[in-house]
């Protein structure tokens, strides 16, 4: 069971990492390159398995993940770095992933 959950989280992380990016000065840094995809997948997975996926909770989660900038001089919530289209894409991706579970 734990192995299948681990595989599912890795699969979810890969999907997130390839499709969701943060935008800094119109530069797109995909979450896999920013090493944020796995932590996000690990926190989102319980929502998917408990059928408690909703946009408000996902946005709260995105707000709770700090992203260090400038070598740690400043922290910004992940939600503030994702363009609106990436938030929409993330929700679509999560809903599709949940259907496949």
PDB file of N, CA and C in Angstrom:
ATOM      1  N   UNK A   1       0.827  -1.205   0.000  1.00  0.00           N
ATOM      2  CA  UNK A   1       0.000   0.000   0.000  1.00  0.00           C
ATOM      3  C   UNK A   1       0.863   1.257   0.000  1.00  0.00           C
ATOM      4  N   UNK A   2       1.849   1.294   0.909  1.00  0.00           N
ATOM      5  CA  UNK A   2       2.717   2.470   0.987  1.00  0.00           C
ATOM      6  C   UNK A   2       3.454   2.675  -0.331  1.00  0.00           C
ATOM      7  N   UNK A   3       3.819   1.573  -0.979  1.00  0.00           N
ATOM      8  CA  UNK A   3       4.529   1.678  -2.243  1.00  0.00           C
ATOM      9  C   UNK A   3       3.647   2.300  -3.319  1.00  0.00           C
ATOM     10  N   UNK A   4       2.385   1.902  -3.366  1.00  0.00           N
ATOM     11  CA  UNK A   4       1.493   2.479  -4.376  1.00  0.00           C
ATOM     12  C   UNK A   4       1.249   3.963  -4.096  1.00  0.00           C
ATOM     13  N   UNK A   5       1.162   4.338  -2.825  1.00  0.00           N
ATOM     14  CA  UNK A   5       1.006   5.758  -2.484  1.00  0.00           C
ATOM     15  C   UNK A   5       2.261   6.529  -2.882  1.00  0.00           C
ATOM     16  N   UNK A   6       3.428   5.944  -2.636  1.00  0.00           N
ATOM     17  CA  UNK A   6       4.683   6.599  -3.017  1.00  0.00           C
ATOM     18  C   UNK A   6       4.750   6.791  -4.522  1.00  0.00           C
ATOM     19  N   UNK A   7       4.366   5.737  -5.267  1.00  0.00           N
ATOM     20  CA  UNK A   7       4.360   5.848  -6.727  1.00  0.00           C
ATOM     21  C   UNK A   7       3.381   6.908  -7.198  1.00  0.00           C
ATOM     22  N   UNK A   8       2.207   6.957  -6.574  1.00  0.00           N
ATOM     23  CA  UNK A   8       1.201   7.949  -6.956  1.00  0.00           C
ATOM     24  C   UNK A   8       1.701   9.363  -6.676  1.00  0.00           C
ATOM     25  N   UNK A   9       2.355   9.564  -5.534  1.00  0.00           N
ATOM     26  CA  UNK A   9       2.896  10.893  -5.201  1.00  0.00           C
ATOM     27  C   UNK A   9       3.990  11.274  -6.192  1.00  0.00           C
ATOM     28  N   UNK A  10       4.852  10.320  -6.535  1.00  0.00           N
ATOM     29  CA  UNK A  10       5.907  10.598  -7.515  1.00  0.00           C
ATOM     30  C   UNK A  10       5.313  10.954  -8.871  1.00  0.00           C
ATOM     31  N   UNK A  11       4.266  10.253  -9.255  1.00  0.00           N
ATOM     32  CA  UNK A  11       3.597  10.530 -10.520  1.00  0.00           C
ATOM     33  C   UNK A  11       2.943  11.913 -10.500  1.00  0.00           C
ATOM     34  N   UNK A  12       2.280  12.221  -9.398  1.00  0.00           N
ATOM     35  CA  UNK A  12       1.658  13.536  -9.235  1.00  0.00           C
ATOM     36  C   UNK A  12       2.721  14.631  -9.257  1.00  0.00           C
ATOM     37  N   UNK A  13       3.832  14.395  -8.559  1.00  0.00           N
ATOM     38  CA  UNK A  13       4.923  15.374  -8.535  1.00  0.00           C
ATOM     39  C   UNK A  13       5.459  15.626  -9.943  1.00  0.00           C
ATOM     40  N   UNK A  14       5.610  14.562 -10.723  1.00  0.00           N
ATOM     41  CA  UNK A  14       6.100  14.709 -12.093  1.00  0.00           C
ATOM     42  C   UNK A  14       5.137  15.543 -12.931  1.00  0.00           C
ATOM     43  N   UNK A  15       3.831  15.266 -12.783  1.00  0.00           N
ATOM     44  CA  UNK A  15       2.813  16.041 -13.530  1.00  0.00           C
ATOM     45  C   UNK A  15       2.881  17.526 -13.148  1.00  0.00           C
ATOM     46  N   UNK A  16       2.940  17.779 -11.854  1.00  0.00           N
ATOM     47  CA  UNK A  16       3.002  19.159 -11.373  1.00  0.00           C
ATOM     48  C   UNK A  16       4.283  19.822 -11.872  1.00  0.00           C
ATOM     49  N   UNK A  17       5.391  19.125 -11.726  1.00  0.00           N
ATOM     50  CA  UNK A  17       6.690  19.682 -12.097  1.00  0.00           C
ATOM     51  C   UNK A  17       6.810  20.064 -13.556  1.00  0.00           C
ATOM     52  N   UNK A  18       6.118  19.317 -14.417  1.00  0.00           N
ATOM     53  CA  UNK A  18       6.192  19.566 -15.859  1.00  0.00           C
ATOM     54  C   UNK A  18       5.186  20.599 -16.342  1.00  0.00           C
ATOM     55  N   UNK A  19       4.136  20.845 -15.568  1.00  0.00           N
ATOM     56  CA  UNK A  19       3.030  21.670 -16.066  1.00  0.00           C
ATOM     57  C   UNK A  19       2.778  22.963 -15.306  1.00  0.00           C
ATOM     58  N   UNK A  20       3.359  23.121 -14.143  1.00  0.00           N
ATOM     59  CA  UNK A  20       3.093  24.302 -13.320  1.00  0.00           C
ATOM     60  C   UNK A  20       4.413  25.047 -13.104  1.00  0.00           C
ATOM     61  N   UNK A  21       4.361  26.357 -13.267  1.00  0.00           N
ATOM     62  CA  UNK A  21       5.577  27.148 -13.113  1.00  0.00           C
ATOM     63  C   UNK A  21       5.317  28.403 -12.293  1.00  0.00           C
ATOM     64  N   UNK A  22       6.404  28.928 -11.741  1.00  0.00           N
ATOM     65  CA  UNK A  22       6.338  30.237 -11.114  1.00  0.00           C
ATOM     66  C   UNK A  22       6.840  31.240 -12.146  1.00  0.00           C
ATOM     67  N   UNK A  23       6.352  32.440 -12.051  1.00  0.00           N
ATOM     68  CA  UNK A  23       6.695  33.489 -13.006  1.00  0.00           C
ATOM     69  C   UNK A  23       7.464  34.580 -12.271  1.00  0.00           C
ATOM     70  N   UNK A  24       8.708  34.783 -12.682  1.00  0.00           N
ATOM     71  CA  UNK A  24       9.542  35.838 -12.112  1.00  0.00           C
ATOM     72  C   UNK A  24      10.022  36.697 -13.276  1.00  0.00           C
ATOM     73  N   UNK A  25       9.555  37.926 -13.336  1.00  0.00           N
ATOM     74  CA  UNK A  25       9.927  38.856 -14.413  1.00  0.00           C
ATOM     75  C   UNK A  25       9.724  38.221 -15.792  1.00  0.00           C
ATOM     76  N   UNK A  26       8.576  37.580 -15.954  1.00  0.00           N
ATOM     77  CA  UNK A  26       8.178  36.901 -17.194  1.00  0.00           C
ATOM     78  C   UNK A  26       9.072  35.707 -17.536  1.00  0.00           C
ATOM     79  N   UNK A  27       9.846  35.259 -16.559  1.00  0.00           N
ATOM     80  CA  UNK A  27      10.674  34.073 -16.713  1.00  0.00           C
ATOM     81  C   UNK A  27       9.949  32.917 -16.047  1.00  0.00           C
ATOM     82  N   UNK A  28       9.738  31.827 -16.771  1.00  0.00           N
ATOM     83  CA  UNK A  28       8.979  30.695 -16.248  1.00  0.00           C
ATOM     84  C   UNK A  28       9.925  29.657 -15.667  1.00  0.00           C
ATOM     85  N   UNK A  29       9.805  29.426 -14.376  1.00  0.00           N
ATOM     86  CA  UNK A  29      10.594  28.412 -13.690  1.00  0.00           C
ATOM     87  C   UNK A  29       9.628  27.302 -13.282  1.00  0.00           C
ATOM     88  N   UNK A  30       9.728  26.172 -13.978  1.00  0.00           N
ATOM     89  CA  UNK A  30       8.835  25.051 -13.674  1.00  0.00           C
ATOM     90  C   UNK A  30       9.138  24.513 -12.281  1.00  0.00           C
ATOM     91  N   UNK A  31       8.097  24.041 -11.607  1.00  0.00           N
ATOM     92  CA  UNK A  31       8.255  23.615 -10.218  1.00  0.00           C
ATOM     93  C   UNK A  31       9.241  22.472 -10.060  1.00  0.00           C
ATOM     94  N   UNK A  32       9.424  21.646 -11.087  1.00  0.00           N
ATOM     95  CA  UNK A  32      10.439  20.590 -10.994  1.00  0.00           C
ATOM     96  C   UNK A  32      11.834  21.221 -10.932  1.00  0.00           C
ATOM     97  N   UNK A  33      12.070  22.260 -11.723  1.00  0.00           N
ATOM     98  CA  UNK A  33      13.372  22.947 -11.709  1.00  0.00           C
ATOM     99  C   UNK A  33      13.596  23.703 -10.411  1.00  0.00           C
ATOM    100  N   UNK A  34      12.511  24.163  -9.808  1.00  0.00           N
ATOM    101  CA  UNK A  34      12.599  24.903  -8.547  1.00  0.00           C
ATOM    102  C   UNK A  34      12.590  23.964  -7.334  1.00  0.00           C
ATOM    103  N   UNK A  35      12.502  22.661  -7.582  1.00  0.00           N
ATOM    104  CA  UNK A  35      12.461  21.637  -6.519  1.00  0.00           C
ATOM    105  C   UNK A  35      11.295  21.857  -5.556  1.00  0.00           C
ATOM    106  N   UNK A  36      10.159  22.252  -6.105  1.00  0.00           N
ATOM    107  CA  UNK A  36       8.954  22.473  -5.299  1.00  0.00           C
ATOM    108  C   UNK A  36       7.857  21.456  -5.617  1.00  0.00           C
ATOM    109  N   UNK A  37       8.039  20.680  -6.671  1.00  0.00           N
ATOM    110  CA  UNK A  37       6.980  19.769  -7.119  1.00  0.00           C
ATOM    111  C   UNK A  37       6.713  18.633  -6.138  1.00  0.00           C
ATOM    112  N   UNK A  38       7.749  18.100  -5.512  1.00  0.00           N
ATOM    113  CA  UNK A  38       7.551  16.955  -4.621  1.00  0.00           C
ATOM    114  C   UNK A  38       6.853  17.374  -3.334  1.00  0.00           C
ATOM    115  N   UNK A  39       7.310  18.469  -2.729  1.00  0.00           N
ATOM    116  CA  UNK A  39       6.671  18.928  -1.488  1.00  0.00           C
ATOM    117  C   UNK A  39       5.201  19.267  -1.742  1.00  0.00           C
ATOM    118  N   UNK A  40       4.922  19.854  -2.881  1.00  0.00           N
ATOM    119  CA  UNK A  40       3.540  20.195  -3.213  1.00  0.00           C
ATOM    120  C   UNK A  40       2.710  18.914  -3.409  1.00  0.00           C
ATOM    121  N   UNK A  41       3.253  17.952  -4.127  1.00  0.00           N
ATOM    122  CA  UNK A  41       2.527  16.691  -4.349  1.00  0.00           C
ATOM    123  C   UNK A  41       2.275  15.964  -3.031  1.00  0.00           C
ATOM    124  N   UNK A  42       3.267  15.948  -2.147  1.00  0.00           N
ATOM    125  CA  UNK A  42       3.108  15.269  -0.854  1.00  0.00           C
ATOM    126  C   UNK A  42       1.991  15.904  -0.026  1.00  0.00           C
ATOM    127  N   UNK A  43       1.835  17.211  -0.133  1.00  0.00           N
ATOM    128  CA  UNK A  43       0.793  17.884   0.641  1.00  0.00           C
ATOM    129  C   UNK A  43      -0.577  17.799  -0.025  1.00  0.00           C
ATOM    130  N   UNK A  44      -0.588  17.712  -1.345  1.00  0.00           N
ATOM    131  CA  UNK A  44      -1.862  17.643  -2.069  1.00  0.00           C
ATOM    132  C   UNK A  44      -2.446  16.238  -2.098  1.00  0.00           C
ATOM    133  N   UNK A  45      -1.604  15.236  -2.090  1.00  0.00           N
ATOM    134  CA  UNK A  45      -2.068  13.852  -2.234  1.00  0.00           C
ATOM    135  C   UNK A  45      -3.156  13.466  -1.231  1.00  0.00           C
ATOM    136  N   UNK A  46      -3.020  13.808   0.065  1.00  0.00           N
ATOM    137  CA  UNK A  46      -4.103  13.452   1.001  1.00  0.00           C
ATOM    138  C   UNK A  46      -5.457  14.056   0.625  1.00  0.00           C
ATOM    139  N   UNK A  47      -5.460  15.246   0.021  1.00  0.00           N
ATOM    140  CA  UNK A  47      -6.728  15.848  -0.428  1.00  0.00           C
ATOM    141  C   UNK A  47      -7.358  15.005  -1.528  1.00  0.00           C
ATOM    142  N   UNK A  48      -6.502  14.458  -2.397  1.00  0.00           N
ATOM    143  CA  UNK A  48      -7.006  13.671  -3.522  1.00  0.00           C
ATOM    144  C   UNK A  48      -7.578  12.339  -3.049  1.00  0.00           C
ATOM    145  N   UNK A  49      -6.911  11.706  -2.105  1.00  0.00           N
ATOM    146  CA  UNK A  49      -7.346  10.387  -1.666  1.00  0.00           C
ATOM    147  C   UNK A  49      -8.551  10.454  -0.726  1.00  0.00           C
ATOM    148  N   UNK A  50      -8.742  11.595  -0.059  1.00  0.00           N
ATOM    149  CA  UNK A  50      -9.882  11.713   0.856  1.00  0.00           C
ATOM    150  C   UNK A  50     -11.077  12.392   0.179  1.00  0.00           C
ATOM    151  N   UNK A  51     -10.959  12.626  -1.130  1.00  0.00           N
ATOM    152  CA  UNK A  51     -12.020  13.290  -1.897  1.00  0.00           C
ATOM    153  C   UNK A  51     -12.404  14.646  -1.313  1.00  0.00           C
ATOM    154  N   UNK A  52     -11.404  15.339  -0.718  1.00  0.00           N
ATOM    155  CA  UNK A  52     -11.688  16.654  -0.145  1.00  0.00           C
ATOM    156  C   UNK A  52     -11.016  17.754  -0.958  1.00  0.00           C
ATOM    157  N   UNK A  53     -10.856  17.506  -2.248  1.00  0.00           N
ATOM    158  CA  UNK A  53     -10.214  18.487  -3.117  1.00  0.00           C
ATOM    159  C   UNK A  53     -11.156  19.647  -3.384  1.00  0.00           C
ATOM    160  N   UNK A  54     -10.742  20.851  -2.997  1.00  0.00           N
ATOM    161  CA  UNK A  54     -11.481  22.045  -3.401  1.00  0.00           C
ATOM    162  C   UNK A  54     -10.495  23.187  -3.570  1.00  0.00           C
ATOM    163  N   UNK A  55     -10.858  24.113  -4.415  1.00  0.00           N
ATOM    164  CA  UNK A  55      -9.943  25.185  -4.806  1.00  0.00           C
ATOM    165  C   UNK A  55      -9.492  26.019  -3.611  1.00  0.00           C
ATOM    166  N   UNK A  56     -10.391  26.294  -2.682  1.00  0.00           N
ATOM    167  CA  UNK A  56     -10.036  27.097  -1.514  1.00  0.00           C
ATOM    168  C   UNK A  56      -8.932  26.459  -0.691  1.00  0.00           C
ATOM    169  N   UNK A  57      -9.036  25.143  -0.464  1.00  0.00           N
ATOM    170  CA  UNK A  57      -8.007  24.441   0.302  1.00  0.00           C
ATOM    171  C   UNK A  57      -6.683  24.389  -0.447  1.00  0.00           C
ATOM    172  N   UNK A  58      -6.750  24.219  -1.767  1.00  0.00           N
ATOM    173  CA  UNK A  58      -5.522  24.205  -2.573  1.00  0.00           C
ATOM    174  C   UNK A  58      -4.848  25.573  -2.491  1.00  0.00           C
ATOM    175  N   UNK A  59      -5.627  26.645  -2.584  1.00  0.00           N
ATOM    176  CA  UNK A  59      -5.045  27.990  -2.488  1.00  0.00           C
ATOM    177  C   UNK A  59      -4.432  28.237  -1.113  1.00  0.00           C
ATOM    178  N   UNK A  60      -5.095  27.754  -0.046  1.00  0.00           N
ATOM    179  CA  UNK A  60      -4.534  27.874   1.306  1.00  0.00           C
ATOM    180  C   UNK A  60      -3.209  27.130   1.396  1.00  0.00           C
ATOM    181  N   UNK A  61      -3.170  25.956   0.803  1.00  0.00           N
ATOM    182  CA  UNK A  61      -1.943  25.169   0.801  1.00  0.00           C
ATOM    183  C   UNK A  61      -0.832  25.911   0.058  1.00  0.00           C
ATOM    184  N   UNK A  62      -1.160  26.475  -1.101  1.00  0.00           N
ATOM    185  CA  UNK A  62      -0.163  27.231  -1.865  1.00  0.00           C
ATOM    186  C   UNK A  62       0.344  28.435  -1.065  1.00  0.00           C
ATOM    187  N   UNK A  63      -0.543  29.047  -0.288  1.00  0.00           N
ATOM    188  CA  UNK A  63      -0.146  30.171   0.559  1.00  0.00           C
ATOM    189  C   UNK A  63       0.801  29.731   1.676  1.00  0.00           C
ATOM    190  N   UNK A  64       0.687  28.470   2.096  1.00  0.00           N
ATOM    191  CA  UNK A  64       1.459  27.987   3.243  1.00  0.00           C
ATOM    192  C   UNK A  64       2.856  27.495   2.872  1.00  0.00           C
ATOM    193  N   UNK A  65       3.168  27.438   1.579  1.00  0.00           N
ATOM    194  CA  UNK A  65       4.490  26.951   1.159  1.00  0.00           C
ATOM    195  C   UNK A  65       5.374  28.147   0.838  1.00  0.00           C
ATOM    196  N   UNK A  66       6.378  28.405   1.691  1.00  0.00           N
ATOM    197  CA  UNK A  66       7.258  29.549   1.459  1.00  0.00           C
ATOM    198  C   UNK A  66       8.314  29.238   0.395  1.00  0.00           C
ATOM    199  N   UNK A  67       8.586  30.224  -0.445  1.00  0.00           N
ATOM    200  CA  UNK A  67       9.632  30.111  -1.461  1.00  0.00           C
ATOM    201  C   UNK A  67      10.681  31.168  -1.124  1.00  0.00           C
ATOM    202  N   UNK A  68      11.907  30.701  -0.893  1.00  0.00           N
ATOM    203  CA  UNK A  68      12.988  31.621  -0.530  1.00  0.00           C
ATOM    204  C   UNK A  68      13.538  32.292  -1.782  1.00  0.00           C
ATOM    205  N   UNK A  69      13.713  33.594  -1.696  1.00  0.00           N
ATOM    206  CA  UNK A  69      14.273  34.382  -2.791  1.00  0.00           C
ATOM    207  C   UNK A  69      15.536  35.087  -2.300  1.00  0.00           C
ATOM    208  N   UNK A  70      16.426  35.364  -3.227  1.00  0.00           N
ATOM    209  CA  UNK A  70      17.631  36.120  -2.872  1.00  0.00           C
ATOM    210  C   UNK A  70      18.490  35.414  -1.841  1.00  0.00           C
ATOM    211  N   UNK A  71      18.628  34.103  -1.984  1.00  0.00           N
ATOM    212  CA  UNK A  71      19.449  33.358  -1.034  1.00  0.00           C
ATOM    213  C   UNK A  71      18.851  33.308   0.357  1.00  0.00           C
ATOM    214  N   UNK A  72      17.543  33.430   0.422  1.00  0.00           N
ATOM    215  CA  UNK A  72      16.861  33.331   1.709  1.00  0.00           C
ATOM    216  C   UNK A  72      16.596  34.670   2.380  1.00  0.00           C
ATOM    217  N   UNK A  73      16.943  35.770   1.705  1.00  0.00           N
ATOM    218  CA  UNK A  73      16.705  37.100   2.290  1.00  0.00           C
ATOM    219  C   UNK A  73      15.214  37.406   2.413  1.00  0.00           C
ATOM    220  N   UNK A  74      14.434  36.783   1.556  1.00  0.00           N
ATOM    221  CA  UNK A  74      12.992  37.038   1.552  1.00  0.00           C
ATOM    222  C   UNK A  74      12.261  35.740   1.262  1.00  0.00           C
ATOM    223  N   UNK A  75      11.092  35.595   1.844  1.00  0.00           N
ATOM    224  CA  UNK A  75      10.235  34.450   1.550  1.00  0.00           C
ATOM    225  C   UNK A  75       8.906  34.959   1.016  1.00  0.00           C
ATOM    226  N   UNK A  76       8.432  34.297  -0.023  1.00  0.00           N
ATOM    227  CA  UNK A  76       7.163  34.660  -0.652  1.00  0.00           C
ATOM    228  C   UNK A  76       6.325  33.388  -0.743  1.00  0.00           C
ATOM    229  N   UNK A  77       5.031  33.464  -0.438  1.00  0.00           N
ATOM    230  CA  UNK A  77       4.188  32.271  -0.587  1.00  0.00           C
ATOM    231  C   UNK A  77       4.152  31.804  -2.041  1.00  0.00           C
ATOM    232  N   UNK A  78       4.173  30.499  -2.228  1.00  0.00           N
ATOM    233  CA  UNK A  78       4.124  29.929  -3.573  1.00  0.00           C
ATOM    234  C   UNK A  78       2.935  30.481  -4.357  1.00  0.00           C
ATOM    235  N   UNK A  79       1.816  30.669  -3.696  1.00  0.00           N
ATOM    236  CA  UNK A  79       0.612  31.181  -4.377  1.00  0.00           C
ATOM    237  C   UNK A  79       0.867  32.524  -5.055  1.00  0.00           C
ATOM    238  N   UNK A  80       1.725  33.355  -4.464  1.00  0.00           N
ATOM    239  CA  UNK A  80       1.996  34.682  -5.025  1.00  0.00           C
ATOM    240  C   UNK A  80       2.875  34.626  -6.268  1.00  0.00           C
ATOM    241  N   UNK A  81       3.521  33.498  -6.501  1.00  0.00           N
ATOM    242  CA  UNK A  81       4.432  33.367  -7.641  1.00  0.00           C
ATOM    243  C   UNK A  81       3.815  32.632  -8.823  1.00  0.00           C
ATOM    244  N   UNK A  82       2.656  31.998  -8.588  1.00  0.00           N
ATOM    245  CA  UNK A  82       1.991  31.262  -9.668  1.00  0.00           C
ATOM    246  C   UNK A  82       1.038  32.188 -10.427  1.00  0.00           C
ATOM    247  N   UNK A  83       1.206  32.300 -11.742  1.00  0.00           N
ATOM    248  CA  UNK A  83       0.217  33.056 -12.516  1.00  0.00           C
ATOM    249  C   UNK A  83      -1.154  32.390 -12.397  1.00  0.00           C
ATOM    250  N   UNK A  84      -2.191  33.151 -12.595  1.00  0.00           N
ATOM    251  CA  UNK A  84      -3.557  32.622 -12.482  1.00  0.00           C
ATOM    252  C   UNK A  84      -3.751  31.404 -13.383  1.00  0.00           C
ATOM    253  N   UNK A  85      -3.215  31.447 -14.598  1.00  0.00           N
ATOM    254  CA  UNK A  85      -3.384  30.317 -15.516  1.00  0.00           C
ATOM    255  C   UNK A  85      -2.744  29.049 -14.953  1.00  0.00           C
ATOM    256  N   UNK A  86      -1.634  29.185 -14.234  1.00  0.00           N
ATOM    257  CA  UNK A  86      -0.999  28.004 -13.627  1.00  0.00           C
ATOM    258  C   UNK A  86      -1.842  27.459 -12.484  1.00  0.00           C
ATOM    259  N   UNK A  87      -2.515  28.333 -11.752  1.00  0.00           N
ATOM    260  CA  UNK A  87      -3.402  27.859 -10.688  1.00  0.00           C
ATOM    261  C   UNK A  87      -4.568  27.081 -11.293  1.00  0.00           C
ATOM    262  N   UNK A  88      -5.096  27.581 -12.399  1.00  0.00           N
ATOM    263  CA  UNK A  88      -6.189  26.895 -13.099  1.00  0.00           C
ATOM    264  C   UNK A  88      -5.685  25.547 -13.621  1.00  0.00           C
ATOM    265  N   UNK A  89      -4.497  25.552 -14.234  1.00  0.00           N
ATOM    266  CA  UNK A  89      -3.916  24.308 -14.755  1.00  0.00           C
ATOM    267  C   UNK A  89      -3.685  23.302 -13.630  1.00  0.00           C
ATOM    268  N   UNK A  90      -3.233  23.788 -12.477  1.00  0.00           N
ATOM    269  CA  UNK A  90      -3.001  22.915 -11.339  1.00  0.00           C
ATOM    270  C   UNK A  90      -4.302  22.258 -10.896  1.00  0.00           C
ATOM    271  N   UNK A  91      -5.371  23.025 -10.785  1.00  0.00           N
ATOM    272  CA  UNK A  91      -6.661  22.463 -10.382  1.00  0.00           C
ATOM    273  C   UNK A  91      -7.145  21.431 -11.400  1.00  0.00           C
ATOM    274  N   UNK A  92      -7.014  21.736 -12.680  1.00  0.00           N
ATOM    275  CA  UNK A  92      -7.418  20.791 -13.727  1.00  0.00           C
ATOM    276  C   UNK A  92      -6.615  19.497 -13.622  1.00  0.00           C
ATOM    277  N   UNK A  93      -5.317  19.650 -13.432  1.00  0.00           N
ATOM    278  CA  UNK A  93      -4.417  18.507 -13.305  1.00  0.00           C
ATOM    279  C   UNK A  93      -4.805  17.651 -12.094  1.00  0.00           C
ATOM    280  N   UNK A  94      -5.105  18.312 -10.968  1.00  0.00           N
ATOM    281  CA  UNK A  94      -5.473  17.591  -9.748  1.00  0.00           C
ATOM    282  C   UNK A  94      -6.800  16.850  -9.921  1.00  0.00           C
ATOM    283  N   UNK A  95      -7.771  17.505 -10.552  1.00  0.00           N
ATOM    284  CA  UNK A  95      -9.068  16.864 -10.766  1.00  0.00           C
ATOM    285  C   UNK A  95      -8.922  15.641 -11.667  1.00  0.00           C
ATOM    286  N   UNK A  96      -8.106  15.763 -12.710  1.00  0.00           N
ATOM    287  CA  UNK A  96      -7.873  14.641 -13.618  1.00  0.00           C
ATOM    288  C   UNK A  96      -7.135  13.512 -12.895  1.00  0.00           C
ATOM    289  N   UNK A  97      -6.146  13.860 -12.108  1.00  0.00           N
ATOM    290  CA  UNK A  97      -5.376  12.861 -11.344  1.00  0.00           C
ATOM    291  C   UNK A  97      -6.293  12.124 -10.368  1.00  0.00           C
ATOM    292  N   UNK A  98      -7.175  12.871  -9.719  1.00  0.00           N
ATOM    293  CA  UNK A  98      -8.086  12.269  -8.745  1.00  0.00           C
ATOM    294  C   UNK A  98      -9.033  11.276  -9.428  1.00  0.00           C
ATOM    295  N   UNK A  99      -9.481  11.601 -10.643  1.00  0.00           N
ATOM    296  CA  UNK A  99     -10.371  10.690 -11.381  1.00  0.00           C
ATOM    297  C   UNK A  99      -9.678   9.364 -11.670  1.00  0.00           C
ATOM    298  N   UNK A 100      -8.367   9.414 -11.888  1.00  0.00           N
ATOM    299  CA  UNK A 100      -7.608   8.201 -12.235  1.00  0.00           C
ATOM    300  C   UNK A 100      -7.272   7.347 -11.009  1.00  0.00           C
ATOM    301  N   UNK A 101      -7.429   7.897  -9.807  1.00  0.00           N
ATOM    302  CA  UNK A 101      -7.098   7.132  -8.595  1.00  0.00           C
ATOM    303  C   UNK A 101      -8.080   6.007  -8.347  1.00  0.00           C
TER     304      UNK A 101
END
